[in-house]
């Protein structure tokens, strides 16, 4: 059987992977593995199967990625979301992305900026602020602890970045009754 890798936008967590697996099973498309941003299918899809898969994925907020540049951008986003969600070692973005994508960082950043209209650093900062909102809502960590966990040099720098992006300070956000948080996959 020929393996066929399809790239899927917005598959950024375990629930997303399970949803894609359910869709593939429902459509009776055999697959070997589903991971962040891609699925390894055990056959080539007919045009009709491809259209059905595309439709089912779009119903739940996913999208088949068909150009190389879009696949690379999606991979960059997946790596950055994983970094914000799971990392505590705070390596340089250039090192992380170059190691994960096997491209020169200047190529990666130019491609991302051309496709997304914003720099990788700007996108990463938005992700970190959304993660900060999540952590503030849990109300388990101080602002200084959140700053450290997300790789900000100080709590003041987190507060400045937070206010610049949201218009309010982390303390003000914490006091709000209705929060304005986005999922990391929709940043």
C-alpha atoms as a PDB file:
ATOM      1  CA  UNK A   1       0.000   0.000   0.000  1.00  0.00           C
ATOM      2  CA  UNK A   2       1.244   3.473  -0.890  1.00  0.00           C
ATOM      3  CA  UNK A   3       1.409   5.965   1.947  1.00  0.00           C
ATOM      4  CA  UNK A   4       0.060   9.438   1.325  1.00  0.00           C
ATOM      5  CA  UNK A   5       0.772  12.323   3.706  1.00  0.00           C
ATOM      6  CA  UNK A   6      -1.919  14.995   3.887  1.00  0.00           C
ATOM      7  CA  UNK A   7      -1.306  18.233   5.750  1.00  0.00           C
ATOM      8  CA  UNK A   8      -4.125  19.661   7.842  1.00  0.00           C
ATOM      9  CA  UNK A   9      -4.311  23.192   9.228  1.00  0.00           C
ATOM     10  CA  UNK A  10      -5.336  23.787  12.872  1.00  0.00           C
ATOM     11  CA  UNK A  11      -4.604  20.264  14.146  1.00  0.00           C
ATOM     12  CA  UNK A  12      -2.745  21.479  17.210  1.00  0.00           C
ATOM     13  CA  UNK A  13      -3.763  19.267  20.133  1.00  0.00           C
ATOM     14  CA  UNK A  14      -4.751  15.761  21.176  1.00  0.00           C
ATOM     15  CA  UNK A  15      -8.480  16.439  20.755  1.00  0.00           C
ATOM     16  CA  UNK A  16      -7.818  17.716  17.243  1.00  0.00           C
ATOM     17  CA  UNK A  17      -5.963  14.498  16.397  1.00  0.00           C
ATOM     18  CA  UNK A  18      -8.845  12.393  17.766  1.00  0.00           C
ATOM     19  CA  UNK A  19     -11.332  14.414  15.698  1.00  0.00           C
ATOM     20  CA  UNK A  20      -9.341  13.843  12.493  1.00  0.00           C
ATOM     21  CA  UNK A  21      -9.098  10.117  13.293  1.00  0.00           C
ATOM     22  CA  UNK A  22     -12.887  10.015  13.727  1.00  0.00           C
ATOM     23  CA  UNK A  23     -13.416  11.750  10.377  1.00  0.00           C
ATOM     24  CA  UNK A  24     -11.048   9.372   8.573  1.00  0.00           C
ATOM     25  CA  UNK A  25     -12.784   6.366  10.133  1.00  0.00           C
ATOM     26  CA  UNK A  26     -16.231   7.735   9.254  1.00  0.00           C
ATOM     27  CA  UNK A  27     -15.156   8.226   5.631  1.00  0.00           C
ATOM     28  CA  UNK A  28     -13.540   4.757   5.646  1.00  0.00           C
ATOM     29  CA  UNK A  29     -10.166   6.195   4.680  1.00  0.00           C
ATOM     30  CA  UNK A  30      -7.447   3.898   6.046  1.00  0.00           C
ATOM     31  CA  UNK A  31      -4.644   5.689   7.853  1.00  0.00           C
ATOM     32  CA  UNK A  32      -1.411   4.798   9.581  1.00  0.00           C
ATOM     33  CA  UNK A  33      -1.073   7.781  11.892  1.00  0.00           C
ATOM     34  CA  UNK A  34      -2.464  11.226  12.661  1.00  0.00           C
ATOM     35  CA  UNK A  35      -0.199  13.784  14.341  1.00  0.00           C
ATOM     36  CA  UNK A  36      -0.017  17.553  14.743  1.00  0.00           C
ATOM     37  CA  UNK A  37      -0.702  19.056  11.333  1.00  0.00           C
ATOM     38  CA  UNK A  38      -0.694  15.864   9.269  1.00  0.00           C
ATOM     39  CA  UNK A  39      -2.162  12.442   8.640  1.00  0.00           C
ATOM     40  CA  UNK A  40      -0.431   9.496   6.990  1.00  0.00           C
ATOM     41  CA  UNK A  41      -3.014   7.752   4.843  1.00  0.00           C
ATOM     42  CA  UNK A  42      -2.599   4.217   3.552  1.00  0.00           C
ATOM     43  CA  UNK A  43      -3.817   5.061   0.061  1.00  0.00           C
ATOM     44  CA  UNK A  44      -4.002   7.851  -2.451  1.00  0.00           C
ATOM     45  CA  UNK A  45      -7.354   9.619  -2.395  1.00  0.00           C
ATOM     46  CA  UNK A  46      -9.648   9.864  -5.384  1.00  0.00           C
ATOM     47  CA  UNK A  47     -10.876  13.365  -6.246  1.00  0.00           C
ATOM     48  CA  UNK A  48     -14.240  12.519  -4.660  1.00  0.00           C
ATOM     49  CA  UNK A  49     -12.628  11.225  -1.441  1.00  0.00           C
ATOM     50  CA  UNK A  50     -10.407  14.309  -1.283  1.00  0.00           C
ATOM     51  CA  UNK A  51     -13.440  16.594  -1.646  1.00  0.00           C
ATOM     52  CA  UNK A  52     -15.356  14.678   1.061  1.00  0.00           C
ATOM     53  CA  UNK A  53     -12.386  14.804   3.425  1.00  0.00           C
ATOM     54  CA  UNK A  54     -11.948  18.515   2.775  1.00  0.00           C
ATOM     55  CA  UNK A  55     -15.655  19.144   3.498  1.00  0.00           C
ATOM     56  CA  UNK A  56     -15.697  17.108   6.726  1.00  0.00           C
ATOM     57  CA  UNK A  57     -12.514  18.763   7.993  1.00  0.00           C
ATOM     58  CA  UNK A  58     -13.872  22.242   7.263  1.00  0.00           C
ATOM     59  CA  UNK A  59     -17.048  21.472   9.256  1.00  0.00           C
ATOM     60  CA  UNK A  60     -14.941  21.239  12.418  1.00  0.00           C
ATOM     61  CA  UNK A  61     -12.531  24.102  11.682  1.00  0.00           C
ATOM     62  CA  UNK A  62      -9.707  22.229   9.951  1.00  0.00           C
ATOM     63  CA  UNK A  63      -8.409  22.720   6.432  1.00  0.00           C
ATOM     64  CA  UNK A  64      -6.405  20.627   3.983  1.00  0.00           C
ATOM     65  CA  UNK A  65      -3.202  22.453   3.091  1.00  0.00           C
ATOM     66  CA  UNK A  66      -2.246  22.057  -0.495  1.00  0.00           C
ATOM     67  CA  UNK A  67       0.757  24.314  -1.147  1.00  0.00           C
ATOM     68  CA  UNK A  68       4.264  23.776   0.169  1.00  0.00           C
ATOM     69  CA  UNK A  69       4.494  27.261   1.688  1.00  0.00           C
ATOM     70  CA  UNK A  70       1.208  26.834   3.560  1.00  0.00           C
ATOM     71  CA  UNK A  71       2.403  23.458   4.868  1.00  0.00           C
ATOM     72  CA  UNK A  72       5.607  25.054   6.161  1.00  0.00           C
ATOM     73  CA  UNK A  73       3.676  27.908   7.814  1.00  0.00           C
ATOM     74  CA  UNK A  74       1.319  25.389   9.421  1.00  0.00           C
ATOM     75  CA  UNK A  75       4.313  23.425  10.703  1.00  0.00           C
ATOM     76  CA  UNK A  76       5.811  26.627  12.132  1.00  0.00           C
ATOM     77  CA  UNK A  77       2.536  27.398  13.921  1.00  0.00           C
ATOM     78  CA  UNK A  78       2.300  23.857  15.309  1.00  0.00           C
ATOM     79  CA  UNK A  79       5.850  24.069  16.669  1.00  0.00           C
ATOM     80  CA  UNK A  80       5.185  27.482  18.238  1.00  0.00           C
ATOM     81  CA  UNK A  81       1.898  26.380  19.820  1.00  0.00           C
ATOM     82  CA  UNK A  82       3.643  23.331  21.244  1.00  0.00           C
ATOM     83  CA  UNK A  83       6.440  25.557  22.541  1.00  0.00           C
ATOM     84  CA  UNK A  84       3.993  27.901  24.313  1.00  0.00           C
ATOM     85  CA  UNK A  85       1.943  25.018  25.705  1.00  0.00           C
ATOM     86  CA  UNK A  86       4.644  22.612  26.828  1.00  0.00           C
ATOM     87  CA  UNK A  87       8.123  24.109  26.987  1.00  0.00           C
ATOM     88  CA  UNK A  88       9.893  25.460  30.027  1.00  0.00           C
ATOM     89  CA  UNK A  89      13.429  25.734  28.662  1.00  0.00           C
ATOM     90  CA  UNK A  90      12.886  28.954  26.626  1.00  0.00           C
ATOM     91  CA  UNK A  91      15.330  28.348  23.790  1.00  0.00           C
ATOM     92  CA  UNK A  92      15.678  30.882  21.001  1.00  0.00           C
ATOM     93  CA  UNK A  93      12.931  30.656  18.375  1.00  0.00           C
ATOM     94  CA  UNK A  94      15.534  30.560  15.631  1.00  0.00           C
ATOM     95  CA  UNK A  95      17.132  27.440  17.164  1.00  0.00           C
ATOM     96  CA  UNK A  96      13.816  25.683  17.782  1.00  0.00           C
ATOM     97  CA  UNK A  97      12.396  26.320  14.314  1.00  0.00           C
ATOM     98  CA  UNK A  98      15.603  25.604  12.408  1.00  0.00           C
ATOM     99  CA  UNK A  99      15.983  22.291  14.254  1.00  0.00           C
ATOM    100  CA  UNK A 100      12.353  21.271  13.772  1.00  0.00           C
ATOM    101  CA  UNK A 101      11.887  22.388  10.161  1.00  0.00           C
ATOM    102  CA  UNK A 102      15.420  21.815   8.820  1.00  0.00           C
ATOM    103  CA  UNK A 103      15.479  25.179   7.046  1.00  0.00           C
ATOM    104  CA  UNK A 104      17.617  28.267   7.554  1.00  0.00           C
ATOM    105  CA  UNK A 105      15.849  30.618   9.978  1.00  0.00           C
ATOM    106  CA  UNK A 106      15.968  33.591   7.585  1.00  0.00           C
ATOM    107  CA  UNK A 107      14.106  31.496   4.983  1.00  0.00           C
ATOM    108  CA  UNK A 108      11.540  30.412   7.591  1.00  0.00           C
ATOM    109  CA  UNK A 109      10.910  33.937   8.860  1.00  0.00           C
ATOM    110  CA  UNK A 110      10.676  35.482   5.373  1.00  0.00           C
ATOM    111  CA  UNK A 111       8.229  32.806   4.234  1.00  0.00           C
ATOM    112  CA  UNK A 112       6.090  33.154   7.388  1.00  0.00           C
ATOM    113  CA  UNK A 113       5.941  36.946   7.085  1.00  0.00           C
ATOM    114  CA  UNK A 114       5.016  36.755   3.391  1.00  0.00           C
ATOM    115  CA  UNK A 115       2.233  34.210   4.025  1.00  0.00           C
ATOM    116  CA  UNK A 116       0.858  35.596   7.310  1.00  0.00           C
ATOM    117  CA  UNK A 117       1.515  39.344   7.108  1.00  0.00           C
ATOM    118  CA  UNK A 118       3.231  39.316  10.516  1.00  0.00           C
ATOM    119  CA  UNK A 119       6.570  38.194  11.851  1.00  0.00           C
ATOM    120  CA  UNK A 120       7.116  34.903  13.652  1.00  0.00           C
ATOM    121  CA  UNK A 121       8.021  36.838  16.811  1.00  0.00           C
ATOM    122  CA  UNK A 122       4.802  38.855  16.636  1.00  0.00           C
ATOM    123  CA  UNK A 123       2.733  35.681  16.207  1.00  0.00           C
ATOM    124  CA  UNK A 124       4.630  33.983  19.043  1.00  0.00           C
ATOM    125  CA  UNK A 125       4.013  36.967  21.336  1.00  0.00           C
ATOM    126  CA  UNK A 126       0.278  36.754  20.577  1.00  0.00           C
ATOM    127  CA  UNK A 127       0.335  33.065  21.487  1.00  0.00           C
ATOM    128  CA  UNK A 128       2.125  33.842  24.751  1.00  0.00           C
ATOM    129  CA  UNK A 129      -0.435  36.500  25.680  1.00  0.00           C
ATOM    130  CA  UNK A 130      -3.313  34.080  24.980  1.00  0.00           C
ATOM    131  CA  UNK A 131      -1.572  31.495  27.156  1.00  0.00           C
ATOM    132  CA  UNK A 132      -1.120  34.155  29.846  1.00  0.00           C
ATOM    133  CA  UNK A 133      -4.880  34.820  29.723  1.00  0.00           C
ATOM    134  CA  UNK A 134      -5.515  31.112  30.228  1.00  0.00           C
ATOM    135  CA  UNK A 135      -3.145  30.953  33.192  1.00  0.00           C
ATOM    136  CA  UNK A 136      -4.658  34.111  34.701  1.00  0.00           C
ATOM    137  CA  UNK A 137      -8.121  32.537  34.503  1.00  0.00           C
ATOM    138  CA  UNK A 138      -6.918  29.454  36.376  1.00  0.00           C
ATOM    139  CA  UNK A 139      -5.817  31.831  39.160  1.00  0.00           C
ATOM    140  CA  UNK A 140      -3.150  29.411  40.407  1.00  0.00           C
ATOM    141  CA  UNK A 141       0.015  31.361  39.547  1.00  0.00           C
ATOM    142  CA  UNK A 142       1.149  34.890  40.278  1.00  0.00           C
ATOM    143  CA  UNK A 143       1.851  37.242  37.392  1.00  0.00           C
ATOM    144  CA  UNK A 144       5.583  36.832  38.077  1.00  0.00           C
ATOM    145  CA  UNK A 145       5.256  33.025  37.873  1.00  0.00           C
ATOM    146  CA  UNK A 146       3.278  33.297  34.634  1.00  0.00           C
ATOM    147  CA  UNK A 147       5.937  35.628  33.212  1.00  0.00           C
ATOM    148  CA  UNK A 148       8.662  33.131  34.086  1.00  0.00           C
ATOM    149  CA  UNK A 149       6.709  30.161  32.708  1.00  0.00           C
ATOM    150  CA  UNK A 150       6.145  31.926  29.384  1.00  0.00           C
ATOM    151  CA  UNK A 151       9.714  33.161  29.014  1.00  0.00           C
ATOM    152  CA  UNK A 152       9.202  36.858  29.711  1.00  0.00           C
ATOM    153  CA  UNK A 153      12.255  38.419  31.378  1.00  0.00           C
ATOM    154  CA  UNK A 154      10.166  40.103  34.098  1.00  0.00           C
ATOM    155  CA  UNK A 155       6.570  40.431  35.276  1.00  0.00           C
ATOM    156  CA  UNK A 156       6.741  44.080  34.190  1.00  0.00           C
ATOM    157  CA  UNK A 157       7.642  43.045  30.642  1.00  0.00           C
ATOM    158  CA  UNK A 158       4.703  40.602  30.584  1.00  0.00           C
ATOM    159  CA  UNK A 159       2.414  43.373  31.850  1.00  0.00           C
ATOM    160  CA  UNK A 160       3.664  45.812  29.212  1.00  0.00           C
ATOM    161  CA  UNK A 161       3.265  43.257  26.401  1.00  0.00           C
ATOM    162  CA  UNK A 162      -0.142  42.188  27.714  1.00  0.00           C
ATOM    163  CA  UNK A 163      -1.410  45.772  27.866  1.00  0.00           C
ATOM    164  CA  UNK A 164      -0.005  46.587  24.428  1.00  0.00           C
ATOM    165  CA  UNK A 165      -1.875  43.636  22.907  1.00  0.00           C
ATOM    166  CA  UNK A 166      -5.121  43.704  24.918  1.00  0.00           C
ATOM    167  CA  UNK A 167      -5.450  47.284  26.148  1.00  0.00           C
ATOM    168  CA  UNK A 168      -5.569  46.189  29.803  1.00  0.00           C
ATOM    169  CA  UNK A 169      -3.090  44.904  32.368  1.00  0.00           C
ATOM    170  CA  UNK A 170      -2.979  41.272  33.522  1.00  0.00           C
ATOM    171  CA  UNK A 171      -4.371  42.373  36.915  1.00  0.00           C
ATOM    172  CA  UNK A 172      -7.320  44.100  35.234  1.00  0.00           C
ATOM    173  CA  UNK A 173      -7.904  41.022  33.070  1.00  0.00           C
ATOM    174  CA  UNK A 174      -7.912  38.802  36.147  1.00  0.00           C
ATOM    175  CA  UNK A 175     -10.689  40.930  37.708  1.00  0.00           C
ATOM    176  CA  UNK A 176     -12.932  40.885  34.617  1.00  0.00           C
ATOM    177  CA  UNK A 177     -16.121  38.820  34.818  1.00  0.00           C
ATOM    178  CA  UNK A 178     -16.248  37.974  31.114  1.00  0.00           C
ATOM    179  CA  UNK A 179     -12.906  37.005  29.660  1.00  0.00           C
ATOM    180  CA  UNK A 180     -11.866  37.489  26.037  1.00  0.00           C
ATOM    181  CA  UNK A 181      -9.700  34.458  25.422  1.00  0.00           C
ATOM    182  CA  UNK A 182      -9.018  32.717  22.079  1.00  0.00           C
ATOM    183  CA  UNK A 183      -7.856  29.189  21.463  1.00  0.00           C
ATOM    184  CA  UNK A 184      -4.184  29.039  20.501  1.00  0.00           C
ATOM    185  CA  UNK A 185      -5.141  27.597  17.116  1.00  0.00           C
ATOM    186  CA  UNK A 186      -7.183  30.705  16.280  1.00  0.00           C
ATOM    187  CA  UNK A 187      -4.492  33.320  17.043  1.00  0.00           C
END
